[in-house]
Amino acid sequence: MAEALSPALPGPIEERTHAVLREACERQLSLATAESCTGGLLASLLTDVPGCSHAFERGFVTYTNDAKAELLSVPRALLDEPGPVSEPVARAMAEGALKASRADIAVSVTGFAGAGDEPGLVHFGCASRYGPTRHREERFGDIGRAAVRLACLEVALEMIDRQMRG
């Protein structure tokens, strides 16, 4: 059970979290996160399960463009065009987190959780030292900030799981 977040988490997210962390532990893989619209929620979730702390290497909360450029080496040209909520930036964030850490797999989340050009538009990247960087775009719609952030957790966990399994 996730200790701090469990009361607020839907059951399927908690179950997926445990499965992903178990798989990472069994494969001796470490994970990193690069988060914008989730504000560290994914990193918090991945560190909330007792006995699995060695599977999480580090997290980057890069809410601003400056943070994305400075911490993850996302090219400023990409942040200008096509912009921070885009496939190229999601890929660059995941790859930057991988390079700036000792993790084997890094997942990124960048989008509009509430306000923005298109509420609910989120781009995800998942980079691995052992394979290509993957991307996924989701359009959750204007379902509210909390609902978008929870939906992001599900997608990010699924992407990590798929990346671990090849």
C-alpha atoms as a PDB file:
ATOM      1  CA  MET A   1       0.000   0.000   0.000  1.00  0.00           C
ATOM      2  CA  ALA A   2       1.216   3.516  -0.780  1.00  0.00           C
ATOM      3  CA  GLU A   3       1.550   5.097   2.637  1.00  0.00           C
ATOM      4  CA  ALA A   4       0.781   8.798   2.169  1.00  0.00           C
ATOM      5  CA  LEU A   5      -1.087   8.821  -1.134  1.00  0.00           C
ATOM      6  CA  SER A   6      -3.185   5.660  -0.772  1.00  0.00           C
ATOM      7  CA  PRO A   7      -6.329   7.317   0.577  1.00  0.00           C
ATOM      8  CA  ALA A   8      -6.480   9.646  -2.443  1.00  0.00           C
ATOM      9  CA  LEU A   9      -5.489   7.144  -5.136  1.00  0.00           C
ATOM     10  CA  PRO A  10      -7.887   5.140  -7.256  1.00  0.00           C
ATOM     11  CA  GLY A  11      -7.247   1.410  -6.759  1.00  0.00           C
ATOM     12  CA  PRO A  12      -6.010   0.730 -10.312  1.00  0.00           C
ATOM     13  CA  ILE A  13      -3.291   3.394 -10.013  1.00  0.00           C
ATOM     14  CA  GLU A  14      -2.083   1.953  -6.727  1.00  0.00           C
ATOM     15  CA  GLU A  15      -2.079  -1.570  -8.173  1.00  0.00           C
ATOM     16  CA  ARG A  16      -0.158  -0.442 -11.277  1.00  0.00           C
ATOM     17  CA  THR A  17       2.361   1.404  -9.099  1.00  0.00           C
ATOM     18  CA  HIS A  18       3.083  -1.743  -7.098  1.00  0.00           C
ATOM     19  CA  ALA A  19       3.398  -3.832 -10.274  1.00  0.00           C
ATOM     20  CA  VAL A  20       5.782  -1.351 -11.917  1.00  0.00           C
ATOM     21  CA  LEU A  21       7.963  -1.055  -8.829  1.00  0.00           C
ATOM     22  CA  ARG A  22       8.041  -4.841  -8.339  1.00  0.00           C
ATOM     23  CA  GLU A  23       9.098  -5.303 -11.961  1.00  0.00           C
ATOM     24  CA  ALA A  24      11.786  -2.618 -11.657  1.00  0.00           C
ATOM     25  CA  CYS A  25      13.106  -4.252  -8.483  1.00  0.00           C
ATOM     26  CA  GLU A  26      13.136  -7.717 -10.067  1.00  0.00           C
ATOM     27  CA  ARG A  27      14.982  -6.428 -13.124  1.00  0.00           C
ATOM     28  CA  GLN A  28      17.254  -4.232 -10.994  1.00  0.00           C
ATOM     29  CA  LEU A  29      16.258  -1.146 -12.965  1.00  0.00           C
ATOM     30  CA  SER A  30      16.110   2.370 -11.606  1.00  0.00           C
ATOM     31  CA  LEU A  31      13.613   5.039 -12.615  1.00  0.00           C
ATOM     32  CA  ALA A  32      13.648   8.814 -12.988  1.00  0.00           C
ATOM     33  CA  THR A  33      10.879  11.311 -13.635  1.00  0.00           C
ATOM     34  CA  ALA A  34      10.773  14.658 -15.420  1.00  0.00           C
ATOM     35  CA  GLU A  35       7.512  16.361 -14.544  1.00  0.00           C
ATOM     36  CA  SER A  36       5.842  19.595 -15.434  1.00  0.00           C
ATOM     37  CA  CYS A  37       2.039  19.551 -15.096  1.00  0.00           C
ATOM     38  CA  THR A  38       2.095  16.787 -12.471  1.00  0.00           C
ATOM     39  CA  GLY A  39       4.401  18.856 -10.257  1.00  0.00           C
ATOM     40  CA  GLY A  40       6.229  15.910  -8.705  1.00  0.00           C
ATOM     41  CA  LEU A  41       3.152  13.790  -8.045  1.00  0.00           C
ATOM     42  CA  LEU A  42       4.589  10.852 -10.006  1.00  0.00           C
ATOM     43  CA  ALA A  43       7.887  10.983  -8.111  1.00  0.00           C
ATOM     44  CA  SER A  44       5.966  11.141  -4.855  1.00  0.00           C
ATOM     45  CA  LEU A  45       3.944   8.096  -5.860  1.00  0.00           C
ATOM     46  CA  LEU A  46       7.044   6.098  -6.847  1.00  0.00           C
ATOM     47  CA  THR A  47       8.658   6.827  -3.483  1.00  0.00           C
ATOM     48  CA  ASP A  48       5.561   6.099  -1.410  1.00  0.00           C
ATOM     49  CA  VAL A  49       5.717   2.289  -1.498  1.00  0.00           C
ATOM     50  CA  PRO A  50       7.750   0.763   1.336  1.00  0.00           C
ATOM     51  CA  GLY A  51      10.522  -1.627   0.333  1.00  0.00           C
ATOM     52  CA  CYS A  52      10.900  -0.291  -3.213  1.00  0.00           C
ATOM     53  CA  SER A  53      12.914   2.871  -2.659  1.00  0.00           C
ATOM     54  CA  HIS A  54      15.932   1.500  -4.516  1.00  0.00           C
ATOM     55  CA  ALA A  55      13.902   1.431  -7.761  1.00  0.00           C
ATOM     56  CA  PHE A  56      13.583   5.241  -7.855  1.00  0.00           C
ATOM     57  CA  GLU A  57      16.754   7.170  -8.665  1.00  0.00           C
ATOM     58  CA  ARG A  58      15.570  10.799  -8.837  1.00  0.00           C
ATOM     59  CA  GLY A  59      12.907  13.186 -10.028  1.00  0.00           C
ATOM     60  CA  PHE A  60      12.977  16.547 -11.746  1.00  0.00           C
ATOM     61  CA  VAL A  61      10.105  18.990 -11.332  1.00  0.00           C
ATOM     62  CA  THR A  62      10.528  21.379 -14.232  1.00  0.00           C
ATOM     63  CA  TYR A  63       7.439  23.535 -14.269  1.00  0.00           C
ATOM     64  CA  THR A  64       8.975  26.486 -16.122  1.00  0.00           C
ATOM     65  CA  ASN A  65      10.738  26.640 -19.462  1.00  0.00           C
ATOM     66  CA  ASP A  66      13.898  27.818 -17.697  1.00  0.00           C
ATOM     67  CA  ALA A  67      13.839  24.731 -15.475  1.00  0.00           C
ATOM     68  CA  LYS A  68      13.359  22.443 -18.482  1.00  0.00           C
ATOM     69  CA  ALA A  69      16.331  24.070 -20.237  1.00  0.00           C
ATOM     70  CA  GLU A  70      18.610  24.288 -17.195  1.00  0.00           C
ATOM     71  CA  LEU A  71      17.959  20.934 -15.514  1.00  0.00           C
ATOM     72  CA  LEU A  72      17.100  18.709 -18.488  1.00  0.00           C
ATOM     73  CA  SER A  73      18.980  20.461 -21.317  1.00  0.00           C
ATOM     74  CA  VAL A  74      15.809  20.883 -23.365  1.00  0.00           C
ATOM     75  CA  PRO A  75      16.801  23.159 -26.255  1.00  0.00           C
ATOM     76  CA  ARG A  76      15.291  26.617 -25.884  1.00  0.00           C
ATOM     77  CA  ALA A  77      14.408  26.556 -29.579  1.00  0.00           C
ATOM     78  CA  LEU A  78      12.021  23.638 -28.900  1.00  0.00           C
ATOM     79  CA  LEU A  79      10.507  25.475 -25.949  1.00  0.00           C
ATOM     80  CA  ASP A  80       9.821  28.439 -28.258  1.00  0.00           C
ATOM     81  CA  GLU A  81       8.512  26.360 -31.175  1.00  0.00           C
ATOM     82  CA  PRO A  82       6.637  23.990 -31.067  1.00  0.00           C
ATOM     83  CA  GLY A  83       6.412  24.917 -27.360  1.00  0.00           C
ATOM     84  CA  PRO A  84       6.659  23.207 -23.978  1.00  0.00           C
ATOM     85  CA  VAL A  85       3.545  21.083 -24.500  1.00  0.00           C
ATOM     86  CA  SER A  86       4.684  19.076 -27.516  1.00  0.00           C
ATOM     87  CA  GLU A  87       6.125  15.761 -28.576  1.00  0.00           C
ATOM     88  CA  PRO A  88       9.686  17.056 -29.134  1.00  0.00           C
ATOM     89  CA  VAL A  89       9.798  18.613 -25.669  1.00  0.00           C
ATOM     90  CA  ALA A  90       8.377  15.499 -23.971  1.00  0.00           C
ATOM     91  CA  ARG A  91      11.029  13.384 -25.685  1.00  0.00           C
ATOM     92  CA  ALA A  92      13.791  15.866 -24.806  1.00  0.00           C
ATOM     93  CA  MET A  93      12.664  15.995 -21.180  1.00  0.00           C
ATOM     94  CA  ALA A  94      12.795  12.192 -20.833  1.00  0.00           C
ATOM     95  CA  GLU A  95      16.167  11.979 -22.570  1.00  0.00           C
ATOM     96  CA  GLY A  96      17.496  14.876 -20.479  1.00  0.00           C
ATOM     97  CA  ALA A  97      16.393  13.172 -17.254  1.00  0.00           C
ATOM     98  CA  LEU A  98      18.116   9.993 -18.361  1.00  0.00           C
ATOM     99  CA  LYS A  99      21.359  11.861 -19.101  1.00  0.00           C
ATOM    100  CA  ALA A 100      21.220  13.843 -15.852  1.00  0.00           C
ATOM    101  CA  SER A 101      20.697  10.751 -13.706  1.00  0.00           C
ATOM    102  CA  ARG A 102      21.878   7.214 -13.150  1.00  0.00           C
ATOM    103  CA  ALA A 103      18.431   5.825 -13.978  1.00  0.00           C
ATOM    104  CA  ASP A 104      17.802   3.149 -16.574  1.00  0.00           C
ATOM    105  CA  ILE A 105      14.385   4.518 -17.578  1.00  0.00           C
ATOM    106  CA  ALA A 106      13.043   8.064 -17.403  1.00  0.00           C
ATOM    107  CA  VAL A 107       9.500   9.229 -18.030  1.00  0.00           C
ATOM    108  CA  SER A 108       8.382  12.790 -18.720  1.00  0.00           C
ATOM    109  CA  VAL A 109       5.033  14.572 -18.454  1.00  0.00           C
ATOM    110  CA  THR A 110       4.274  17.986 -19.919  1.00  0.00           C
ATOM    111  CA  GLY A 111       0.858  19.409 -20.577  1.00  0.00           C
ATOM    112  CA  PHE A 112      -2.086  21.566 -19.628  1.00  0.00           C
ATOM    113  CA  ALA A 113      -3.625  20.092 -16.476  1.00  0.00           C
ATOM    114  CA  GLY A 114      -6.155  22.881 -16.118  1.00  0.00           C
ATOM    115  CA  ALA A 115      -5.833  26.178 -17.909  1.00  0.00           C
ATOM    116  CA  GLY A 116      -3.902  26.616 -21.123  1.00  0.00           C
ATOM    117  CA  ASP A 117      -4.380  26.457 -24.837  1.00  0.00           C
ATOM    118  CA  GLU A 118      -6.074  23.070 -24.656  1.00  0.00           C
ATOM    119  CA  PRO A 119      -6.990  21.846 -21.158  1.00  0.00           C
ATOM    120  CA  GLY A 120      -6.178  18.158 -20.782  1.00  0.00           C
ATOM    121  CA  LEU A 121      -3.594  17.998 -23.594  1.00  0.00           C
ATOM    122  CA  VAL A 122      -0.574  16.115 -22.255  1.00  0.00           C
ATOM    123  CA  HIS A 123       2.555  14.752 -23.920  1.00  0.00           C
ATOM    124  CA  PHE A 124       4.582  11.933 -22.376  1.00  0.00           C
ATOM    125  CA  GLY A 125       8.077  10.711 -23.172  1.00  0.00           C
ATOM    126  CA  CYS A 126       9.783   7.564 -21.963  1.00  0.00           C
ATOM    127  CA  ALA A 127      13.510   7.109 -22.538  1.00  0.00           C
ATOM    128  CA  SER A 128      15.597   4.038 -21.812  1.00  0.00           C
ATOM    129  CA  ARG A 129      19.280   3.227 -21.880  1.00  0.00           C
ATOM    130  CA  TYR A 130      18.300   0.049 -23.750  1.00  0.00           C
ATOM    131  CA  GLY A 131      15.953   1.214 -26.487  1.00  0.00           C
ATOM    132  CA  PRO A 132      14.291   4.066 -28.334  1.00  0.00           C
ATOM    133  CA  THR A 133      12.475   6.939 -26.674  1.00  0.00           C
ATOM    134  CA  ARG A 134       8.728   6.535 -26.856  1.00  0.00           C
ATOM    135  CA  HIS A 135       6.066   9.227 -27.019  1.00  0.00           C
ATOM    136  CA  ARG A 136       2.392   9.346 -26.251  1.00  0.00           C
ATOM    137  CA  GLU A 137      -0.117  12.150 -26.580  1.00  0.00           C
ATOM    138  CA  GLU A 138      -3.315  12.203 -24.571  1.00  0.00           C
ATOM    139  CA  ARG A 139      -6.269  14.542 -24.805  1.00  0.00           C
ATOM    140  CA  PHE A 140      -8.081  14.047 -21.516  1.00  0.00           C
ATOM    141  CA  GLY A 141     -10.325  17.052 -22.105  1.00  0.00           C
ATOM    142  CA  ASP A 142     -11.396  19.732 -19.672  1.00  0.00           C
ATOM    143  CA  ILE A 143     -12.006  17.275 -16.811  1.00  0.00           C
ATOM    144  CA  GLY A 144     -10.346  19.347 -14.092  1.00  0.00           C
ATOM    145  CA  ARG A 145      -6.806  19.693 -12.843  1.00  0.00           C
ATOM    146  CA  ALA A 146      -6.907  16.835 -10.321  1.00  0.00           C
ATOM    147  CA  ALA A 147      -8.483  14.377 -12.760  1.00  0.00           C
ATOM    148  CA  VAL A 148      -5.910  15.198 -15.454  1.00  0.00           C
ATOM    149  CA  ARG A 149      -3.045  14.715 -13.005  1.00  0.00           C
ATOM    150  CA  LEU A 150      -4.404  11.326 -11.880  1.00  0.00           C
ATOM    151  CA  ALA A 151      -4.881  10.266 -15.507  1.00  0.00           C
ATOM    152  CA  CYS A 152      -1.258  11.277 -16.143  1.00  0.00           C
ATOM    153  CA  LEU A 153      -0.111   8.908 -13.410  1.00  0.00           C
ATOM    154  CA  GLU A 154      -1.860   6.006 -15.139  1.00  0.00           C
ATOM    155  CA  VAL A 155      -0.311   6.770 -18.524  1.00  0.00           C
ATOM    156  CA  ALA A 156       3.187   7.358 -17.127  1.00  0.00           C
ATOM    157  CA  LEU A 157       3.103   4.077 -15.184  1.00  0.00           C
ATOM    158  CA  GLU A 158       1.906   2.238 -18.276  1.00  0.00           C
ATOM    159  CA  MET A 159       4.731   3.727 -20.322  1.00  0.00           C
ATOM    160  CA  ILE A 160       7.357   2.741 -17.740  1.00  0.00           C
ATOM    161  CA  ASP A 161       5.933  -0.770 -17.660  1.00  0.00           C
ATOM    162  CA  ARG A 162       6.021  -1.088 -21.460  1.00  0.00           C
ATOM    163  CA  GLN A 163       9.557   0.277 -21.596  1.00  0.00           C
ATOM    164  CA  MET A 164      10.741  -2.256 -18.997  1.00  0.00           C
ATOM    165  CA  ARG A 165       9.178  -5.136 -20.901  1.00  0.00           C
ATOM    166  CA  GLY A 166      10.642  -4.019 -24.228  1.00  0.00           C
END
